[in-house]
Amino acid sequence: MQQNENFTLRNIGDIYFIIPTAQTTFLSVGQMLTVNETGAYLWNCLKKKQTLEELASSLQSYYNIDYTMAFEDTKQFVEELQKINAVKL
């Protein structure tokens, strides 16, 4: 999977948003995703094509956490990205 080039990451302070690039005003909740620093890290990893396992491994290494936890968190994050069509499988 990889980022959908029609979406971008923006931040205001400590809050990050994954939003469609073509529409930056009057977004509904279903068109964007609010993420934390971890979500922003994973989004940036998706600039190049990655498998779910590769993403989880990157998260595990970056935060020095258990792989099972990293995998479950990554899986949940990707599912949220899929809901707004922000990733290409």
PDB file of N, CA and C in Angstrom:
ATOM      1  N   MET A   1       0.831  -1.168   0.000  1.00  0.00           N
ATOM      2  CA  MET A   1       0.000   0.000   0.000  1.00  0.00           C
ATOM      3  C   MET A   1       0.877   1.232   0.000  1.00  0.00           C
ATOM      4  N   GLN A   2       0.271   2.346  -0.403  1.00  0.00           N
ATOM      5  CA  GLN A   2       1.005   3.593  -0.525  1.00  0.00           C
ATOM      6  C   GLN A   2       0.022   4.752  -0.360  1.00  0.00           C
ATOM      7  N   GLN A   3       0.543   5.922  -0.019  1.00  0.00           N
ATOM      8  CA  GLN A   3      -0.302   7.108   0.087  1.00  0.00           C
ATOM      9  C   GLN A   3      -1.056   7.337  -1.211  1.00  0.00           C
ATOM     10  N   ASN A   4      -2.297   7.758  -1.087  1.00  0.00           N
ATOM     11  CA  ASN A   4      -3.037   8.257  -2.231  1.00  0.00           C
ATOM     12  C   ASN A   4      -2.539   9.684  -2.439  1.00  0.00           C
ATOM     13  N   GLU A   5      -1.997   9.978  -3.622  1.00  0.00           N
ATOM     14  CA  GLU A   5      -1.405  11.290  -3.883  1.00  0.00           C
ATOM     15  C   GLU A   5      -2.424  12.422  -3.819  1.00  0.00           C
ATOM     16  N   ASN A   6      -3.694  12.096  -3.713  1.00  0.00           N
ATOM     17  CA  ASN A   6      -4.739  13.111  -3.587  1.00  0.00           C
ATOM     18  C   ASN A   6      -4.975  13.534  -2.139  1.00  0.00           C
ATOM     19  N   PHE A   7      -4.126  13.048  -1.224  1.00  0.00           N
ATOM     20  CA  PHE A   7      -4.215  13.400   0.187  1.00  0.00           C
ATOM     21  C   PHE A   7      -2.868  13.929   0.659  1.00  0.00           C
ATOM     22  N   THR A   8      -2.912  14.780   1.669  1.00  0.00           N
ATOM     23  CA  THR A   8      -1.694  15.354   2.221  1.00  0.00           C
ATOM     24  C   THR A   8      -1.807  15.453   3.742  1.00  0.00           C
ATOM     25  N   LEU A   9      -0.679  15.579   4.391  1.00  0.00           N
ATOM     26  CA  LEU A   9      -0.619  15.735   5.843  1.00  0.00           C
ATOM     27  C   LEU A   9      -0.405  17.207   6.171  1.00  0.00           C
ATOM     28  N   ARG A  10      -1.235  17.739   7.033  1.00  0.00           N
ATOM     29  CA  ARG A  10      -1.097  19.120   7.516  1.00  0.00           C
ATOM     30  C   ARG A  10      -1.116  19.074   9.039  1.00  0.00           C
ATOM     31  N   ASN A  11      -0.464  20.052   9.647  1.00  0.00           N
ATOM     32  CA  ASN A  11      -0.535  20.088  11.104  1.00  0.00           C
ATOM     33  C   ASN A  11      -0.778  21.495  11.610  1.00  0.00           C
ATOM     34  N   ILE A  12      -1.464  21.537  12.733  1.00  0.00           N
ATOM     35  CA  ILE A  12      -1.688  22.768  13.481  1.00  0.00           C
ATOM     36  C   ILE A  12      -1.263  22.439  14.909  1.00  0.00           C
ATOM     37  N   GLY A  13      -0.145  22.997  15.319  1.00  0.00           N
ATOM     38  CA  GLY A  13       0.389  22.673  16.643  1.00  0.00           C
ATOM     39  C   GLY A  13       0.761  21.212  16.715  1.00  0.00           C
ATOM     40  N   ASP A  14       0.206  20.503  17.681  1.00  0.00           N
ATOM     41  CA  ASP A  14       0.481  19.086  17.877  1.00  0.00           C
ATOM     42  C   ASP A  14      -0.546  18.180  17.200  1.00  0.00           C
ATOM     43  N   ILE A  15      -1.467  18.760  16.460  1.00  0.00           N
ATOM     44  CA  ILE A  15      -2.521  17.982  15.816  1.00  0.00           C
ATOM     45  C   ILE A  15      -2.227  17.895  14.326  1.00  0.00           C
ATOM     46  N   TYR A  16      -2.334  16.690  13.795  1.00  0.00           N
ATOM     47  CA  TYR A  16      -2.080  16.434  12.385  1.00  0.00           C
ATOM     48  C   TYR A  16      -3.380  16.019  11.715  1.00  0.00           C
ATOM     49  N   PHE A  17      -3.530  16.423  10.464  1.00  0.00           N
ATOM     50  CA  PHE A  17      -4.710  16.089   9.676  1.00  0.00           C
ATOM     51  C   PHE A  17      -4.273  15.507   8.339  1.00  0.00           C
ATOM     52  N   ILE A  18      -4.903  14.428   7.934  1.00  0.00           N
ATOM     53  CA  ILE A  18      -4.726  13.888   6.590  1.00  0.00           C
ATOM     54  C   ILE A  18      -5.976  14.307   5.836  1.00  0.00           C
ATOM     55  N   ILE A  19      -5.761  15.154   4.827  1.00  0.00           N
ATOM     56  CA  ILE A  19      -6.879  15.775   4.120  1.00  0.00           C
ATOM     57  C   ILE A  19      -6.702  15.634   2.616  1.00  0.00           C
ATOM     58  N   PRO A  20      -7.808  15.705   1.874  1.00  0.00           N
ATOM     59  CA  PRO A  20      -7.696  15.685   0.419  1.00  0.00           C
ATOM     60  C   PRO A  20      -7.046  16.976  -0.072  1.00  0.00           C
ATOM     61  N   THR A  21      -6.163  16.870  -1.042  1.00  0.00           N
ATOM     62  CA  THR A  21      -5.445  18.043  -1.535  1.00  0.00           C
ATOM     63  C   THR A  21      -6.331  18.964  -2.353  1.00  0.00           C
ATOM     64  N   ALA A  22      -7.329  18.434  -2.995  1.00  0.00           N
ATOM     65  CA  ALA A  22      -8.178  19.249  -3.870  1.00  0.00           C
ATOM     66  C   ALA A  22      -9.171  20.105  -3.096  1.00  0.00           C
ATOM     67  N   GLN A  23      -9.439  19.746  -1.850  1.00  0.00           N
ATOM     68  CA  GLN A  23     -10.439  20.483  -1.080  1.00  0.00           C
ATOM     69  C   GLN A  23      -9.873  20.778   0.298  1.00  0.00           C
ATOM     70  N   THR A  24      -9.573  22.021   0.562  1.00  0.00           N
ATOM     71  CA  THR A  24      -8.974  22.378   1.843  1.00  0.00           C
ATOM     72  C   THR A  24      -9.881  23.232   2.723  1.00  0.00           C
ATOM     73  N   THR A  25     -11.104  23.507   2.269  1.00  0.00           N
ATOM     74  CA  THR A  25     -12.055  24.254   3.087  1.00  0.00           C
ATOM     75  C   THR A  25     -13.356  23.479   3.172  1.00  0.00           C
ATOM     76  N   PHE A  26     -14.054  23.666   4.244  1.00  0.00           N
ATOM     77  CA  PHE A  26     -15.358  23.053   4.462  1.00  0.00           C
ATOM     78  C   PHE A  26     -15.331  21.530   4.329  1.00  0.00           C
ATOM     79  N   LEU A  27     -14.368  20.920   5.021  1.00  0.00           N
ATOM     80  CA  LEU A  27     -14.267  19.465   5.008  1.00  0.00           C
ATOM     81  C   LEU A  27     -15.209  18.864   6.045  1.00  0.00           C
ATOM     82  N   SER A  28     -15.833  17.770   5.709  1.00  0.00           N
ATOM     83  CA  SER A  28     -16.630  17.047   6.695  1.00  0.00           C
ATOM     84  C   SER A  28     -15.726  16.031   7.385  1.00  0.00           C
ATOM     85  N   VAL A  29     -16.195  15.505   8.493  1.00  0.00           N
ATOM     86  CA  VAL A  29     -15.414  14.531   9.257  1.00  0.00           C
ATOM     87  C   VAL A  29     -15.062  13.317   8.410  1.00  0.00           C
ATOM     88  N   GLY A  30     -15.950  12.919   7.507  1.00  0.00           N
ATOM     89  CA  GLY A  30     -15.712  11.751   6.672  1.00  0.00           C
ATOM     90  C   GLY A  30     -14.692  11.959   5.567  1.00  0.00           C
ATOM     91  N   GLN A  31     -14.223  13.195   5.392  1.00  0.00           N
ATOM     92  CA  GLN A  31     -13.259  13.482   4.334  1.00  0.00           C
ATOM     93  C   GLN A  31     -11.832  13.625   4.844  1.00  0.00           C
ATOM     94  N   MET A  32     -11.648  13.626   6.149  1.00  0.00           N
ATOM     95  CA  MET A  32     -10.314  13.823   6.702  1.00  0.00           C
ATOM     96  C   MET A  32     -10.116  12.912   7.905  1.00  0.00           C
ATOM     97  N   LEU A  33      -8.866  12.825   8.320  1.00  0.00           N
ATOM     98  CA  LEU A  33      -8.514  12.000   9.462  1.00  0.00           C
ATOM     99  C   LEU A  33      -7.597  12.812  10.365  1.00  0.00           C
ATOM    100  N   THR A  34      -7.946  12.913  11.620  1.00  0.00           N
ATOM    101  CA  THR A  34      -7.095  13.575  12.601  1.00  0.00           C
ATOM    102  C   THR A  34      -6.200  12.501  13.201  1.00  0.00           C
ATOM    103  N   VAL A  35      -4.888  12.748  13.215  1.00  0.00           N
ATOM    104  CA  VAL A  35      -3.946  11.753  13.717  1.00  0.00           C
ATOM    105  C   VAL A  35      -2.967  12.397  14.700  1.00  0.00           C
ATOM    106  N   ASN A  36      -2.326  11.546  15.482  1.00  0.00           N
ATOM    107  CA  ASN A  36      -1.295  12.011  16.406  1.00  0.00           C
ATOM    108  C   ASN A  36       0.075  11.870  15.733  1.00  0.00           C
ATOM    109  N   GLU A  37       1.126  12.062  16.508  1.00  0.00           N
ATOM    110  CA  GLU A  37       2.480  11.978  15.967  1.00  0.00           C
ATOM    111  C   GLU A  37       2.777  10.597  15.378  1.00  0.00           C
ATOM    112  N   THR A  38       2.248   9.561  15.992  1.00  0.00           N
ATOM    113  CA  THR A  38       2.448   8.203  15.489  1.00  0.00           C
ATOM    114  C   THR A  38       1.789   8.035  14.123  1.00  0.00           C
ATOM    115  N   GLY A  39       0.567   8.544  13.990  1.00  0.00           N
ATOM    116  CA  GLY A  39      -0.123   8.489  12.710  1.00  0.00           C
ATOM    117  C   GLY A  39       0.623   9.270  11.636  1.00  0.00           C
ATOM    118  N   ALA A  40       1.166  10.422  12.018  1.00  0.00           N
ATOM    119  CA  ALA A  40       1.951  11.222  11.070  1.00  0.00           C
ATOM    120  C   ALA A  40       3.201  10.454  10.645  1.00  0.00           C
ATOM    121  N   TYR A  41       3.837   9.762  11.592  1.00  0.00           N
ATOM    122  CA  TYR A  41       5.017   8.962  11.266  1.00  0.00           C
ATOM    123  C   TYR A  41       4.656   7.871  10.253  1.00  0.00           C
ATOM    124  N   LEU A  42       3.568   7.144  10.530  1.00  0.00           N
ATOM    125  CA  LEU A  42       3.157   6.075   9.622  1.00  0.00           C
ATOM    126  C   LEU A  42       2.765   6.633   8.259  1.00  0.00           C
ATOM    127  N   TRP A  43       2.081   7.770   8.235  1.00  0.00           N
ATOM    128  CA  TRP A  43       1.706   8.388   6.961  1.00  0.00           C
ATOM    129  C   TRP A  43       2.954   8.689   6.135  1.00  0.00           C
ATOM    130  N   ASN A  44       3.959   9.236   6.785  1.00  0.00           N
ATOM    131  CA  ASN A  44       5.194   9.549   6.072  1.00  0.00           C
ATOM    132  C   ASN A  44       5.908   8.294   5.580  1.00  0.00           C
ATOM    133  N   CYS A  45       5.781   7.192   6.314  1.00  0.00           N
ATOM    134  CA  CYS A  45       6.350   5.919   5.853  1.00  0.00           C
ATOM    135  C   CYS A  45       5.672   5.450   4.569  1.00  0.00           C
ATOM    136  N   LEU A  46       4.418   5.850   4.386  1.00  0.00           N
ATOM    137  CA  LEU A  46       3.654   5.414   3.220  1.00  0.00           C
ATOM    138  C   LEU A  46       3.964   6.218   1.961  1.00  0.00           C
ATOM    139  N   LYS A  47       4.964   7.085   2.019  1.00  0.00           N
ATOM    140  CA  LYS A  47       5.377   7.796   0.813  1.00  0.00           C
ATOM    141  C   LYS A  47       5.913   6.809  -0.219  1.00  0.00           C
ATOM    142  N   LYS A  48       6.470   5.707   0.281  1.00  0.00           N
ATOM    143  CA  LYS A  48       6.881   4.635  -0.623  1.00  0.00           C
ATOM    144  C   LYS A  48       6.027   3.412  -0.315  1.00  0.00           C
ATOM    145  N   LYS A  49       5.904   2.550  -1.286  1.00  0.00           N
ATOM    146  CA  LYS A  49       5.047   1.373  -1.144  1.00  0.00           C
ATOM    147  C   LYS A  49       5.532   0.494   0.012  1.00  0.00           C
ATOM    148  N   GLN A  50       4.605   0.109   0.873  1.00  0.00           N
ATOM    149  CA  GLN A  50       4.911  -0.687   2.065  1.00  0.00           C
ATOM    150  C   GLN A  50       3.824  -1.738   2.271  1.00  0.00           C
ATOM    151  N   THR A  51       4.210  -2.851   2.858  1.00  0.00           N
ATOM    152  CA  THR A  51       3.215  -3.819   3.299  1.00  0.00           C
ATOM    153  C   THR A  51       2.822  -3.458   4.728  1.00  0.00           C
ATOM    154  N   LEU A  52       1.740  -4.020   5.197  1.00  0.00           N
ATOM    155  CA  LEU A  52       1.316  -3.802   6.574  1.00  0.00           C
ATOM    156  C   LEU A  52       2.414  -4.246   7.544  1.00  0.00           C
ATOM    157  N   GLU A  53       3.047  -5.363   7.231  1.00  0.00           N
ATOM    158  CA  GLU A  53       4.113  -5.894   8.085  1.00  0.00           C
ATOM    159  C   GLU A  53       5.325  -4.966   8.108  1.00  0.00           C
ATOM    160  N   GLU A  54       5.664  -4.387   6.955  1.00  0.00           N
ATOM    161  CA  GLU A  54       6.794  -3.451   6.904  1.00  0.00           C
ATOM    162  C   GLU A  54       6.499  -2.188   7.712  1.00  0.00           C
ATOM    163  N   LEU A  55       5.266  -1.706   7.610  1.00  0.00           N
ATOM    164  CA  LEU A  55       4.877  -0.537   8.394  1.00  0.00           C
ATOM    165  C   LEU A  55       4.955  -0.823   9.890  1.00  0.00           C
ATOM    166  N   ALA A  56       4.444  -1.977  10.285  1.00  0.00           N
ATOM    167  CA  ALA A  56       4.479  -2.352  11.695  1.00  0.00           C
ATOM    168  C   ALA A  56       5.908  -2.489  12.194  1.00  0.00           C
ATOM    169  N   SER A  57       6.768  -3.049  11.371  1.00  0.00           N
ATOM    170  CA  SER A  57       8.173  -3.193  11.734  1.00  0.00           C
ATOM    171  C   SER A  57       8.842  -1.825  11.896  1.00  0.00           C
ATOM    172  N   SER A  58       8.515  -0.893  11.012  1.00  0.00           N
ATOM    173  CA  SER A  58       9.049   0.468  11.125  1.00  0.00           C
ATOM    174  C   SER A  58       8.585   1.120  12.418  1.00  0.00           C
ATOM    175  N   LEU A  59       7.301   0.950  12.732  1.00  0.00           N
ATOM    176  CA  LEU A  59       6.757   1.514  13.965  1.00  0.00           C
ATOM    177  C   LEU A  59       7.417   0.889  15.189  1.00  0.00           C
ATOM    178  N   GLN A  60       7.602  -0.417  15.150  1.00  0.00           N
ATOM    179  CA  GLN A  60       8.256  -1.123  16.249  1.00  0.00           C
ATOM    180  C   GLN A  60       9.661  -0.573  16.484  1.00  0.00           C
ATOM    181  N   SER A  61      10.408  -0.405  15.419  1.00  0.00           N
ATOM    182  CA  SER A  61      11.779   0.095  15.533  1.00  0.00           C
ATOM    183  C   SER A  61      11.819   1.540  16.010  1.00  0.00           C
ATOM    184  N   TYR A  62      10.945   2.371  15.465  1.00  0.00           N
ATOM    185  CA  TYR A  62      10.944   3.799  15.778  1.00  0.00           C
ATOM    186  C   TYR A  62      10.613   4.059  17.246  1.00  0.00           C
ATOM    187  N   TYR A  63       9.608   3.339  17.764  1.00  0.00           N
ATOM    188  CA  TYR A  63       9.163   3.549  19.144  1.00  0.00           C
ATOM    189  C   TYR A  63       9.687   2.497  20.122  1.00  0.00           C
ATOM    190  N   ASN A  64      10.445   1.514  19.598  1.00  0.00           N
ATOM    191  CA  ASN A  64      10.996   0.454  20.441  1.00  0.00           C
ATOM    192  C   ASN A  64       9.892  -0.221  21.273  1.00  0.00           C
ATOM    193  N   ILE A  65       8.857  -0.699  20.556  1.00  0.00           N
ATOM    194  CA  ILE A  65       7.728  -1.359  21.207  1.00  0.00           C
ATOM    195  C   ILE A  65       7.597  -2.787  20.701  1.00  0.00           C
ATOM    196  N   ASP A  66       6.745  -3.541  21.337  1.00  0.00           N
ATOM    197  CA  ASP A  66       6.460  -4.919  20.973  1.00  0.00           C
ATOM    198  C   ASP A  66       5.852  -4.980  19.568  1.00  0.00           C
ATOM    199  N   TYR A  67       6.283  -5.959  18.760  1.00  0.00           N
ATOM    200  CA  TYR A  67       5.801  -6.062  17.384  1.00  0.00           C
ATOM    201  C   TYR A  67       4.289  -6.280  17.327  1.00  0.00           C
ATOM    202  N   THR A  68       3.741  -7.098  18.211  1.00  0.00           N
ATOM    203  CA  THR A  68       2.298  -7.364  18.193  1.00  0.00           C
ATOM    204  C   THR A  68       1.516  -6.082  18.400  1.00  0.00           C
ATOM    205  N   MET A  69       1.954  -5.254  19.337  1.00  0.00           N
ATOM    206  CA  MET A  69       1.298  -3.975  19.580  1.00  0.00           C
ATOM    207  C   MET A  69       1.445  -3.066  18.358  1.00  0.00           C
ATOM    208  N   ALA A  70       2.640  -3.023  17.797  1.00  0.00           N
ATOM    209  CA  ALA A  70       2.889  -2.199  16.615  1.00  0.00           C
ATOM    210  C   ALA A  70       2.014  -2.656  15.451  1.00  0.00           C
ATOM    211  N   PHE A  71       1.882  -3.956  15.260  1.00  0.00           N
ATOM    212  CA  PHE A  71       1.078  -4.491  14.167  1.00  0.00           C
ATOM    213  C   PHE A  71      -0.395  -4.123  14.339  1.00  0.00           C
ATOM    214  N   GLU A  72      -0.937  -4.312  15.547  1.00  0.00           N
ATOM    215  CA  GLU A  72      -2.346  -4.003  15.785  1.00  0.00           C
ATOM    216  C   GLU A  72      -2.628  -2.515  15.603  1.00  0.00           C
ATOM    217  N   ASP A  73      -1.742  -1.664  16.109  1.00  0.00           N
ATOM    218  CA  ASP A  73      -1.909  -0.216  15.947  1.00  0.00           C
ATOM    219  C   ASP A  73      -1.826   0.184  14.474  1.00  0.00           C
ATOM    220  N   THR A  74      -0.889  -0.398  13.761  1.00  0.00           N
ATOM    221  CA  THR A  74      -0.713  -0.097  12.342  1.00  0.00           C
ATOM    222  C   THR A  74      -1.925  -0.563  11.549  1.00  0.00           C
ATOM    223  N   LYS A  75      -2.400  -1.737  11.838  1.00  0.00           N
ATOM    224  CA  LYS A  75      -3.574  -2.285  11.153  1.00  0.00           C
ATOM    225  C   LYS A  75      -4.783  -1.367  11.354  1.00  0.00           C
ATOM    226  N   GLN A  76      -5.001  -0.922  12.577  1.00  0.00           N
ATOM    227  CA  GLN A  76      -6.119  -0.032  12.876  1.00  0.00           C
ATOM    228  C   GLN A  76      -5.964   1.303  12.134  1.00  0.00           C
ATOM    229  N   PHE A  77      -4.742   1.828  12.092  1.00  0.00           N
ATOM    230  CA  PHE A  77      -4.484   3.078  11.386  1.00  0.00           C
ATOM    231  C   PHE A  77      -4.775   2.938   9.892  1.00  0.00           C
ATOM    232  N   VAL A  78      -4.310   1.863   9.291  1.00  0.00           N
ATOM    233  CA  VAL A  78      -4.542   1.637   7.856  1.00  0.00           C
ATOM    234  C   VAL A  78      -6.036   1.493   7.567  1.00  0.00           C
ATOM    235  N   GLU A  79      -6.773   0.849   8.452  1.00  0.00           N
ATOM    236  CA  GLU A  79      -8.218   0.722   8.266  1.00  0.00           C
ATOM    237  C   GLU A  79      -8.888   2.093   8.253  1.00  0.00           C
ATOM    238  N   GLU A  80      -8.419   3.001   9.098  1.00  0.00           N
ATOM    239  CA  GLU A  80      -8.957   4.359   9.113  1.00  0.00           C
ATOM    240  C   GLU A  80      -8.599   5.100   7.824  1.00  0.00           C
ATOM    241  N   LEU A  81      -7.389   4.905   7.324  1.00  0.00           N
ATOM    242  CA  LEU A  81      -6.991   5.513   6.051  1.00  0.00           C
ATOM    243  C   LEU A  81      -7.855   4.995   4.901  1.00  0.00           C
ATOM    244  N   GLN A  82      -8.170   3.713   4.940  1.00  0.00           N
ATOM    245  CA  GLN A  82      -8.985   3.117   3.885  1.00  0.00           C
ATOM    246  C   GLN A  82     -10.393   3.704   3.874  1.00  0.00           C
ATOM    247  N   LYS A  83     -10.924   4.052   5.038  1.00  0.00           N
ATOM    248  CA  LYS A  83     -12.276   4.612   5.118  1.00  0.00           C
ATOM    249  C   LYS A  83     -12.398   5.917   4.348  1.00  0.00           C
ATOM    250  N   ILE A  84     -11.307   6.690   4.284  1.00  0.00           N
ATOM    251  CA  ILE A  84     -11.362   7.964   3.557  1.00  0.00           C
ATOM    252  C   ILE A  84     -10.627   7.869   2.209  1.00  0.00           C
ATOM    253  N   ASN A  85     -10.247   6.657   1.832  1.00  0.00           N
ATOM    254  CA  ASN A  85      -9.559   6.403   0.556  1.00  0.00           C
ATOM    255  C   ASN A  85      -8.214   7.125   0.454  1.00  0.00           C
ATOM    256  N   ALA A  86      -7.509   7.206   1.554  1.00  0.00           N
ATOM    257  CA  ALA A  86      -6.217   7.917   1.588  1.00  0.00           C
ATOM    258  C   ALA A  86      -5.034   7.012   1.241  1.00  0.00           C
ATOM    259  N   VAL A  87      -5.282   5.710   1.051  1.00  0.00           N
ATOM    260  CA  VAL A  87      -4.211   4.795   0.652  1.00  0.00           C
ATOM    261  C   VAL A  87      -4.613   4.017  -0.586  1.00  0.00           C
ATOM    262  N   LYS A  88      -3.590   3.648  -1.340  1.00  0.00           N
ATOM    263  CA  LYS A  88      -3.783   2.780  -2.505  1.00  0.00           C
ATOM    264  C   LYS A  88      -3.218   1.417  -2.115  1.00  0.00           C
ATOM    265  N   LEU A  89      -4.005   0.395  -2.312  1.00  0.00           N
ATOM    266  CA  LEU A  89      -3.548  -0.949  -1.950  1.00  0.00           C
ATOM    267  C   LEU A  89      -2.792  -1.599  -3.067  1.00  0.00           C
TER     268      LEU A  89
END
